[in-house]
Amino acid sequence: MTKPFNPSTPVDAWATAVELLVRWLENHDRVDVLLDSLPRTLGRTERGRCQHLLFGAVRHLGRIEAIFTPLVARPPRTAVKAVLLIAGYELIEGGGDGHTARVVHHAVEQTKSLASQPEAKLVNAVVRKIAAAISTQTEPAPLAGAMELSVYYSHPEWLVRRWLAQFGATGARALLEWNQKPAPVYARWRSTERGPEGEDAALFTATAWPGFYEVKSGNWSRVEALVADGTLFLQDPATRHAVELLAPKAGETVLDACAAPGGKSLAISDAMGTGRVVSLDLPSPRIERLKQNLSRAKGDVALVQGDLLQAERLGIFEEHNLPKAYDAVLLDVPCSNTGVMRHRVDVKWRLQVSDFAKHARQQGDLLSAAARLVVPGGHLVYSTCSLDAEENDGVISTFLEKTRGRYTLEAKRQSLPWIDGHDGAAAFLLRKAAS
């Protein structure tokens, strides 16, 4: 087991990344939860370096593991495995003349304190062989099979096969390549009248998507201040599809039925100006972040903690003196997250084949519950950050069949990362019959 963090001692980003990776390998903790556990003594630069190394090792785990596994007589202790994975990622990343020697030396020295002297000798030999293997590796051939693609691009083979069937060889390969690259940080500038001005303009790069900017590195403290005062919200451009299809209008009452962490509720409120947004989500640790984000809303936003599936039966809205039906409802459902794997780097290792059907059943139940909360003639937007047809078109087809004409599909948007240049998402605009 890893040593607990001691806030009274200096923190080394590389060693900390190893410790977090050990916890991930042993306990299967989510990467984002592990990062939230970092000590306050870790400065912004060290925190960023730690995240970079941890994300890189998890992204490329399959490729690195496939190289070093045949090189060791028996599986190494978890701490040593974590060292090999992070050193392997540094070798994949590259770094000019002398880079391999520096990576090997640093990994060996770290192993002496993180593991033992004998294990440091093992690391010395194995990391050198990893470097030699990486230097001779080439990308899989255009018609490579699922197994070869799985190993090189570090994705489970069953998932690669699923994507090959759904997107074809070219699309699946492009998605695999996309997922292996670090994700840029995007922000939505909340004022529709202007964008970054003065010194702030140098912090951002305009994008092809109105209102969204890529955040440049180098002055994160100023970006945090702009988030804190409500000027901007860190958000991927893919999120715009659901809100644009919802098209909230001034004076409407809108329900965001799975609201946490609150970015879409804020976007709805910003678009409306006047009117009311009701943000509903289950009681959970995410509620605190939802409260924090909604506190920056410019309009009337009400937060309600409750289960959408039980809302009618328990009278949750009446209890808070809120409407039982809404002009517009946004349902951004829990899903497989296959469209956001650049950000959620460990999702691919947590997913199981059965998860898609399980998600689709839950999504269908949530959609039926949300549909009962729409006024006659009102509209509902169903959205996911999944690329999978079973969670998108499949859920909508089943819903339309069940509702037998009470709802019609008016519009659909889907973003594919390798085509659209940002996260993947799907959104469907459904209209309820007027009577």
Protein backbone atom coordinates (compact mmCIF):
# COMPACT_ATOMS: atom_id res chain seq x y z
CA MET A 1 0.00 0.00 0.00
CA THR A 2 1.13 3.59 -0.57
CA LYS A 3 2.15 5.90 2.20
CA PRO A 4 -0.50 8.48 3.16
CA PHE A 5 0.13 12.06 2.13
CA ASN A 6 1.80 14.11 4.86
CA PRO A 7 0.85 17.79 4.42
CA SER A 8 3.82 18.89 6.56
CA THR A 9 6.42 17.63 4.07
CA PRO A 10 7.28 18.87 0.57
CA VAL A 11 5.42 17.07 -2.21
CA ASP A 12 7.09 15.80 -5.37
CA ALA A 13 4.73 15.73 -8.38
CA TRP A 14 6.29 12.61 -9.94
CA ALA A 15 6.22 10.58 -6.72
CA THR A 16 2.70 11.81 -6.00
CA ALA A 17 1.55 10.66 -9.44
CA VAL A 18 2.99 7.22 -8.65
CA GLU A 19 1.13 7.12 -5.33
CA LEU A 20 -2.17 8.09 -6.97
CA LEU A 21 -1.64 5.53 -9.70
CA VAL A 22 -1.04 2.83 -7.08
CA ARG A 23 -4.34 3.74 -5.43
CA TRP A 24 -6.06 3.59 -8.82
CA LEU A 25 -4.55 0.19 -9.64
CA GLU A 26 -5.28 -1.33 -6.22
CA ASN A 27 -8.56 0.26 -5.20
CA HIS A 28 -10.06 1.23 -8.58
CA ASP A 29 -10.74 4.76 -7.31
CA ARG A 30 -11.84 7.21 -9.98
CA VAL A 31 -9.02 9.38 -11.29
CA ASP A 32 -10.92 12.62 -10.66
CA VAL A 33 -11.57 11.58 -7.04
CA LEU A 34 -7.87 10.83 -6.59
CA LEU A 35 -6.90 14.25 -7.91
CA ASP A 36 -9.34 15.88 -5.50
CA SER A 37 -7.45 14.19 -2.64
CA LEU A 38 -4.18 15.96 -3.44
CA PRO A 39 -2.72 17.89 -0.48
CA ARG A 40 -2.96 21.66 -0.33
CA THR A 41 0.83 21.83 -0.09
CA LEU A 42 1.01 20.87 -3.76
CA GLY A 43 1.36 24.06 -5.80
CA ARG A 44 -0.45 24.75 -9.07
CA THR A 45 2.56 23.77 -11.22
CA GLU A 46 3.18 20.54 -9.31
CA ARG A 47 -0.54 19.71 -9.35
CA GLY A 48 -0.64 20.18 -13.10
CA ARG A 49 2.45 18.02 -13.59
CA CYS A 50 1.01 15.30 -11.35
CA GLN A 51 -2.25 15.25 -13.33
CA HIS A 52 -0.37 15.19 -16.63
CA LEU A 53 1.67 12.14 -15.60
CA LEU A 54 -1.27 10.31 -14.04
CA PHE A 55 -3.54 10.91 -17.03
CA GLY A 56 -0.81 9.91 -19.47
CA ALA A 57 -0.05 6.65 -17.66
CA VAL A 58 -3.73 5.70 -17.49
CA ARG A 59 -4.32 6.64 -21.14
CA HIS A 60 -1.42 4.50 -22.37
CA LEU A 61 -1.63 1.70 -19.79
CA GLY A 62 -2.45 -1.04 -22.29
CA ARG A 63 0.42 -0.22 -24.65
CA ILE A 64 3.03 0.11 -21.90
CA GLU A 65 1.85 -2.98 -20.04
CA ALA A 66 1.99 -5.04 -23.22
CA ILE A 67 5.66 -4.08 -23.60
CA PHE A 68 6.92 -4.73 -20.06
CA THR A 69 4.83 -7.78 -19.09
CA PRO A 70 6.96 -10.25 -21.12
CA LEU A 71 10.12 -8.66 -19.67
CA VAL A 72 9.51 -9.63 -16.03
CA ALA A 73 9.47 -13.14 -14.60
CA ARG A 74 6.54 -12.39 -12.30
CA PRO A 75 4.19 -9.42 -11.90
CA PRO A 76 5.93 -6.55 -10.08
CA ARG A 77 4.56 -5.00 -6.92
CA THR A 78 1.98 -2.30 -7.61
CA ALA A 79 4.35 0.54 -6.72
CA VAL A 80 6.91 -0.76 -9.21
CA LYS A 81 4.25 -1.26 -11.86
CA ALA A 82 3.15 2.36 -11.35
CA VAL A 83 6.76 3.54 -11.80
CA LEU A 84 7.05 1.56 -15.03
CA LEU A 85 3.77 2.98 -16.34
CA ILE A 86 4.68 6.60 -15.63
CA ALA A 87 8.21 6.19 -16.99
CA GLY A 88 6.71 4.46 -20.02
CA TYR A 89 4.41 7.39 -20.62
CA GLU A 90 7.33 9.83 -20.39
CA LEU A 91 9.12 7.78 -23.04
CA ILE A 92 6.06 7.80 -25.32
CA GLU A 93 5.77 11.55 -24.82
CA GLY A 94 9.40 12.07 -25.84
CA GLY A 95 11.69 14.97 -25.03
CA GLY A 96 14.75 15.41 -27.23
CA ASP A 97 18.39 14.36 -26.81
CA GLY A 98 19.19 12.53 -23.60
CA HIS A 99 15.52 12.08 -22.77
CA THR A 100 15.68 8.30 -22.36
CA ALA A 101 18.69 8.51 -20.05
CA ARG A 102 16.95 11.11 -17.88
CA VAL A 103 13.75 9.07 -17.67
CA VAL A 104 15.65 5.91 -16.72
CA HIS A 105 17.78 7.67 -14.11
CA HIS A 106 14.81 9.44 -12.52
CA ALA A 107 12.68 6.28 -12.42
CA VAL A 108 15.51 4.35 -10.77
CA GLU A 109 16.11 7.02 -8.12
CA GLN A 110 12.40 7.28 -7.36
CA THR A 111 12.09 3.51 -7.03
CA LYS A 112 14.75 3.48 -4.31
CA SER A 113 12.44 5.48 -2.04
CA LEU A 114 9.05 4.36 -3.35
CA ALA A 115 9.94 0.64 -3.39
CA SER A 116 13.41 -0.84 -2.72
CA GLN A 117 17.01 -0.96 -3.94
CA PRO A 118 16.67 -4.41 -5.59
CA GLU A 119 13.48 -3.25 -7.36
CA ALA A 120 15.37 -0.18 -8.57
CA LYS A 121 17.74 -2.50 -10.44
CA LEU A 122 14.73 -4.18 -12.06
CA VAL A 123 13.32 -0.80 -13.06
CA ASN A 124 16.66 0.20 -14.57
CA ALA A 125 16.71 -2.85 -16.84
CA VAL A 126 13.03 -2.83 -17.76
CA VAL A 127 12.68 0.90 -18.50
CA ARG A 128 15.65 0.69 -20.88
CA LYS A 129 13.92 -2.16 -22.73
CA ILE A 130 10.63 -0.23 -22.78
CA ALA A 131 12.48 2.70 -24.38
CA ALA A 132 13.99 0.43 -27.05
CA ALA A 133 10.60 -1.11 -27.83
CA ILE A 134 8.84 2.26 -28.09
CA SER A 135 11.55 3.62 -30.39
CA THR A 136 10.87 0.86 -32.91
CA GLN A 137 7.07 0.78 -32.67
CA THR A 138 5.01 2.00 -35.59
CA GLU A 139 1.31 2.71 -35.83
CA PRO A 140 -0.88 -0.23 -36.82
CA ALA A 141 -1.50 -0.74 -40.53
CA PRO A 142 -4.71 0.74 -42.01
CA LEU A 143 -6.47 -2.63 -41.96
CA ALA A 144 -5.14 -3.73 -38.56
CA GLY A 145 -7.46 -5.88 -36.48
CA ALA A 146 -9.12 -5.06 -33.19
CA MET A 147 -6.44 -6.75 -31.07
CA GLU A 148 -3.57 -4.76 -32.59
CA LEU A 149 -5.52 -1.50 -32.37
CA SER A 150 -6.49 -2.32 -28.79
CA VAL A 151 -2.88 -2.77 -27.67
CA TYR A 152 -1.34 0.20 -29.49
CA TYR A 153 -4.12 2.67 -28.62
CA SER A 154 -4.68 1.25 -25.11
CA HIS A 155 -8.40 0.49 -25.23
CA PRO A 156 -10.20 -2.73 -24.25
CA GLU A 157 -10.48 -5.01 -27.26
CA TRP A 158 -14.24 -5.48 -26.86
CA LEU A 159 -14.71 -1.70 -27.03
CA VAL A 160 -12.56 -1.42 -30.15
CA ARG A 161 -14.67 -4.14 -31.80
CA ARG A 162 -17.84 -2.26 -30.86
CA TRP A 163 -16.54 0.96 -32.41
CA LEU A 164 -15.33 -0.80 -35.55
CA ALA A 165 -18.86 -2.13 -36.03
CA GLN A 166 -20.46 1.25 -35.36
CA PHE A 167 -18.05 3.73 -37.00
CA GLY A 168 -16.09 1.61 -39.46
CA ALA A 169 -12.31 1.23 -39.62
CA THR A 170 -11.56 4.89 -40.35
CA GLY A 171 -13.91 6.34 -37.76
CA ALA A 172 -12.94 3.90 -35.01
CA ARG A 173 -9.23 4.53 -35.55
CA ALA A 174 -9.76 8.30 -35.54
CA LEU A 175 -11.66 8.03 -32.25
CA LEU A 176 -8.90 5.92 -30.70
CA GLU A 177 -6.29 8.46 -31.75
CA TRP A 178 -8.45 11.31 -30.42
CA ASN A 179 -8.82 9.71 -26.99
CA GLN A 180 -5.05 9.36 -26.59
CA LYS A 181 -4.41 13.11 -26.81
CA PRO A 182 -4.57 15.49 -23.82
CA ALA A 183 -7.74 17.56 -23.76
CA PRO A 184 -7.61 21.35 -24.10
CA VAL A 185 -9.53 23.45 -21.57
CA TYR A 186 -12.51 25.36 -22.96
CA ALA A 187 -14.56 28.10 -21.35
CA ARG A 188 -17.92 29.64 -22.17
CA TRP A 189 -17.87 33.43 -21.89
CA ARG A 190 -21.19 34.12 -20.21
CA SER A 191 -21.80 37.58 -21.62
CA THR A 192 -23.38 37.42 -25.07
CA GLU A 193 -22.52 41.07 -25.73
CA ARG A 194 -18.75 40.82 -25.56
CA GLY A 195 -15.85 38.43 -25.20
CA PRO A 196 -12.51 38.74 -23.40
CA GLU A 197 -11.17 42.29 -23.45
CA GLY A 198 -7.96 44.07 -22.52
CA GLU A 199 -5.36 41.94 -20.76
CA ASP A 200 -7.85 39.08 -20.47
CA ALA A 201 -7.95 38.68 -24.26
CA ALA A 202 -4.41 37.26 -24.17
CA LEU A 203 -5.57 34.40 -21.94
CA PHE A 204 -7.90 32.87 -24.52
CA THR A 205 -8.04 31.72 -28.12
CA ALA A 206 -11.31 32.15 -30.02
CA THR A 207 -12.90 28.98 -31.41
CA ALA A 208 -15.27 28.19 -34.25
CA TRP A 209 -18.09 27.92 -31.71
CA PRO A 210 -19.56 31.30 -30.69
CA GLY A 211 -19.10 32.12 -27.01
CA PHE A 212 -16.51 29.38 -26.44
CA TYR A 213 -12.79 30.01 -26.00
CA GLU A 214 -9.78 27.77 -25.50
CA VAL A 215 -7.96 28.64 -22.30
CA LYS A 216 -4.23 29.20 -22.78
CA SER A 217 -1.80 27.96 -20.16
CA GLY A 218 0.25 30.34 -18.05
CA ASN A 219 -2.16 32.45 -16.00
CA TRP A 220 -4.54 30.05 -14.33
CA SER A 221 -5.02 32.28 -11.27
CA ARG A 222 -6.71 34.92 -13.44
CA VAL A 223 -8.89 32.30 -15.11
CA GLU A 224 -9.97 31.03 -11.69
CA ALA A 225 -10.87 34.59 -10.70
CA LEU A 226 -13.03 34.97 -13.82
CA VAL A 227 -14.79 31.70 -12.97
CA ALA A 228 -15.31 32.82 -9.38
CA ASP A 229 -16.89 36.15 -10.34
CA GLY A 230 -19.20 34.47 -12.87
CA THR A 231 -17.61 35.91 -16.01
CA LEU A 232 -16.97 32.51 -17.54
CA PHE A 233 -17.71 28.83 -17.00
CA LEU A 234 -15.30 26.02 -17.86
CA GLN A 235 -17.28 23.96 -20.34
CA ASP A 236 -16.72 22.00 -23.54
CA PRO A 237 -18.36 23.33 -26.73
CA ALA A 238 -20.23 20.02 -27.13
CA THR A 239 -22.54 21.12 -24.30
CA ARG A 240 -24.04 23.83 -26.50
CA HIS A 241 -26.08 21.37 -28.56
CA ALA A 242 -28.57 20.48 -25.83
CA VAL A 243 -29.14 24.10 -24.76
CA GLU A 244 -29.45 25.37 -28.32
CA LEU A 245 -32.04 22.71 -29.14
CA LEU A 246 -33.91 23.54 -25.93
CA ALA A 247 -33.95 27.21 -27.07
CA PRO A 248 -35.23 28.58 -23.74
CA LYS A 249 -37.20 31.83 -24.06
CA ALA A 250 -37.61 34.76 -21.70
CA GLY A 251 -40.41 34.21 -19.22
CA GLU A 252 -40.49 30.41 -19.50
CA THR A 253 -40.24 27.98 -16.62
CA VAL A 254 -37.59 25.39 -17.46
CA LEU A 255 -36.59 22.20 -15.66
CA ASP A 256 -33.04 20.88 -15.80
CA ALA A 257 -33.84 17.37 -14.61
CA CYS A 258 -30.30 15.98 -14.06
CA ALA A 259 -28.60 19.26 -13.31
CA ALA A 260 -25.29 18.56 -11.53
CA PRO A 261 -22.72 20.03 -11.89
CA GLY A 262 -24.83 22.95 -13.19
CA GLY A 263 -23.18 24.15 -16.38
CA LYS A 264 -26.27 23.63 -18.52
CA SER A 265 -28.54 25.25 -15.91
CA LEU A 266 -26.33 28.34 -16.03
CA ALA A 267 -26.38 28.33 -19.84
CA ILE A 268 -30.19 28.07 -19.82
CA SER A 269 -30.49 30.93 -17.33
CA ASP A 270 -28.05 33.07 -19.32
CA ALA A 271 -30.03 32.46 -22.53
CA MET A 272 -33.39 33.26 -20.95
CA GLY A 273 -32.62 36.41 -19.03
CA THR A 274 -36.01 36.42 -17.34
CA GLY A 275 -37.96 33.35 -16.33
CA ARG A 276 -37.18 30.52 -13.95
CA VAL A 277 -34.88 27.52 -14.06
CA VAL A 278 -35.47 24.62 -11.68
CA SER A 279 -32.35 22.47 -11.24
CA LEU A 280 -33.09 18.98 -9.96
CA ASP A 281 -30.63 16.26 -9.00
CA LEU A 282 -30.16 13.45 -6.52
CA PRO A 283 -28.65 14.21 -3.11
CA SER A 284 -24.95 13.38 -3.47
CA PRO A 285 -21.51 14.94 -2.99
CA ARG A 286 -22.02 16.64 -6.38
CA ILE A 287 -24.74 18.83 -4.89
CA GLU A 288 -22.19 21.12 -3.25
CA ARG A 289 -20.59 21.84 -6.59
CA LEU A 290 -24.06 22.37 -8.11
CA LYS A 291 -24.91 24.87 -5.36
CA GLN A 292 -21.63 26.70 -5.92
CA ASN A 293 -22.16 26.94 -9.67
CA LEU A 294 -25.81 27.99 -9.40
CA SER A 295 -24.84 30.75 -6.97
CA ARG A 296 -23.34 32.52 -10.00
CA ALA A 297 -26.61 32.47 -11.98
CA LYS A 298 -27.83 35.86 -13.16
CA GLY A 299 -31.48 34.85 -13.24
CA ASP A 300 -33.97 33.00 -11.03
CA VAL A 301 -32.65 29.48 -10.39
CA ALA A 302 -34.09 27.08 -7.82
CA LEU A 303 -32.19 24.01 -6.68
CA VAL A 304 -34.18 20.92 -5.71
CA GLN A 305 -32.66 17.74 -4.32
CA GLY A 306 -34.67 14.69 -5.27
CA ASP A 307 -35.08 11.66 -7.49
CA LEU A 308 -36.65 12.40 -10.88
CA LEU A 309 -38.10 8.89 -10.93
CA GLN A 310 -39.95 9.57 -7.66
CA ALA A 311 -40.74 13.26 -8.17
CA GLU A 312 -44.42 12.85 -9.01
CA ARG A 313 -45.16 10.20 -6.40
CA LEU A 314 -43.45 12.12 -3.60
CA GLY A 315 -44.74 15.54 -4.63
CA ILE A 316 -41.21 16.97 -4.67
CA PHE A 317 -42.11 20.04 -6.73
CA GLU A 318 -45.26 20.84 -4.73
CA GLU A 319 -43.21 20.58 -1.55
CA HIS A 320 -41.05 23.45 -2.83
CA ASN A 321 -43.99 25.44 -4.26
CA LEU A 322 -42.80 24.78 -7.80
CA PRO A 323 -44.80 23.89 -10.93
CA LYS A 324 -45.65 20.26 -11.64
CA ALA A 325 -45.21 20.82 -15.40
CA TYR A 326 -42.75 22.94 -17.40
CA ASP A 327 -42.56 24.76 -20.72
CA ALA A 328 -39.28 23.02 -21.47
CA VAL A 329 -37.34 20.18 -19.84
CA LEU A 330 -33.69 19.29 -20.33
CA LEU A 331 -32.72 15.72 -19.48
CA ASP A 332 -28.94 15.28 -19.64
CA VAL A 333 -28.80 11.65 -18.54
CA PRO A 334 -26.06 9.63 -16.84
CA CYS A 335 -24.33 7.60 -19.54
CA SER A 336 -21.25 5.64 -20.57
CA ASN A 337 -19.21 8.85 -21.15
CA THR A 338 -17.76 7.44 -24.38
CA GLY A 339 -17.80 10.93 -25.90
CA VAL A 340 -15.63 12.47 -23.18
CA MET A 341 -12.80 9.97 -22.78
CA ARG A 342 -10.18 12.63 -23.36
CA HIS A 343 -11.26 14.15 -20.05
CA ARG A 344 -12.28 10.98 -18.21
CA VAL A 345 -9.26 8.91 -19.03
CA ASP A 346 -10.12 5.92 -16.85
CA VAL A 347 -13.67 5.43 -18.20
CA LYS A 348 -12.50 2.94 -20.83
CA TRP A 349 -11.00 0.72 -18.14
CA ARG A 350 -14.15 0.86 -15.96
CA LEU A 351 -16.70 0.18 -18.70
CA GLN A 352 -18.19 -3.29 -19.08
CA VAL A 353 -19.99 -4.74 -22.10
CA SER A 354 -23.23 -4.91 -20.12
CA ASP A 355 -23.11 -1.23 -19.13
CA PHE A 356 -24.66 0.03 -22.37
CA ALA A 357 -27.87 -1.96 -21.96
CA LYS A 358 -27.98 -1.06 -18.25
CA HIS A 359 -27.59 2.64 -19.05
CA ALA A 360 -30.21 2.47 -21.79
CA ARG A 361 -32.78 0.99 -19.40
CA GLN A 362 -32.13 3.70 -16.82
CA GLN A 363 -32.14 6.41 -19.50
CA GLY A 364 -35.48 5.18 -20.82
CA ASP A 365 -36.99 5.30 -17.32
CA LEU A 366 -35.65 8.83 -16.76
CA LEU A 367 -36.95 9.98 -20.15
CA SER A 368 -40.44 8.66 -19.40
CA ALA A 369 -40.42 10.43 -16.02
CA ALA A 370 -39.22 13.71 -17.55
CA ALA A 371 -41.84 13.50 -20.31
CA ARG A 372 -44.62 13.57 -17.72
CA LEU A 373 -43.37 16.97 -16.50
CA VAL A 374 -43.82 18.80 -19.83
CA VAL A 375 -46.86 21.01 -20.46
CA PRO A 376 -49.01 20.20 -23.54
CA GLY A 377 -47.27 21.69 -26.56
CA GLY A 378 -44.03 22.02 -24.60
CA HIS A 379 -40.73 20.42 -25.48
CA LEU A 380 -38.12 18.12 -24.02
CA VAL A 381 -34.46 17.70 -24.90
CA TYR A 382 -32.81 14.36 -24.21
CA SER A 383 -29.01 14.53 -24.25
CA THR A 384 -25.97 12.37 -23.52
CA CYS A 385 -22.19 12.58 -23.73
CA SER A 386 -22.21 9.09 -25.26
CA LEU A 387 -21.33 8.10 -28.80
CA ASP A 388 -23.20 4.82 -28.58
CA ALA A 389 -26.35 4.28 -30.61
CA GLU A 390 -27.87 2.12 -27.88
CA GLU A 391 -27.90 5.10 -25.50
CA ASN A 392 -28.97 7.63 -28.12
CA ASP A 393 -31.15 6.66 -31.08
CA GLY A 394 -32.08 3.38 -29.42
CA VAL A 395 -33.50 5.09 -26.33
CA ILE A 396 -35.37 7.65 -28.42
CA SER A 397 -36.87 4.99 -30.73
CA THR A 398 -38.14 3.00 -27.76
CA PHE A 399 -39.59 6.14 -26.16
CA LEU A 400 -41.43 7.23 -29.31
CA GLU A 401 -42.85 3.75 -29.70
CA LYS A 402 -44.08 3.75 -26.10
CA THR A 403 -45.64 7.23 -26.25
CA ARG A 404 -47.60 6.42 -29.43
CA GLY A 405 -47.80 9.88 -30.95
CA ARG A 406 -47.85 11.93 -27.76
CA TYR A 407 -44.31 13.03 -28.64
CA THR A 408 -42.61 13.67 -31.95
CA LEU A 409 -38.92 14.01 -32.72
CA GLU A 410 -38.29 17.47 -34.21
CA ALA A 411 -34.50 17.64 -34.37
CA LYS A 412 -31.31 15.76 -33.56
CA ARG A 413 -27.70 16.80 -33.16
CA GLN A 414 -24.71 14.57 -32.69
CA SER A 415 -21.07 15.53 -32.43
CA LEU A 416 -18.31 13.04 -33.19
CA PRO A 417 -14.97 14.16 -31.71
CA TRP A 418 -12.75 13.29 -34.67
CA ILE A 419 -15.08 15.21 -37.00
CA ASP A 420 -16.31 18.12 -34.86
CA GLY A 421 -13.09 18.80 -32.95
CA HIS A 422 -14.55 18.71 -29.45
CA ASP A 423 -16.21 16.24 -27.09
CA GLY A 424 -18.81 13.82 -28.37
CA ALA A 425 -22.46 14.37 -27.50
CA ALA A 426 -25.98 13.73 -28.73
CA ALA A 427 -29.16 15.78 -28.26
CA PHE A 428 -32.74 15.11 -29.37
CA LEU A 429 -35.58 17.67 -29.40
CA LEU A 430 -38.95 16.09 -28.61
CA ARG A 431 -42.27 17.96 -28.85
CA LYS A 432 -45.28 17.05 -26.77
CA ALA A 433 -48.68 17.09 -28.47
CA ALA A 434 -50.78 20.14 -27.64
CA SER A 435 -53.66 17.99 -26.43
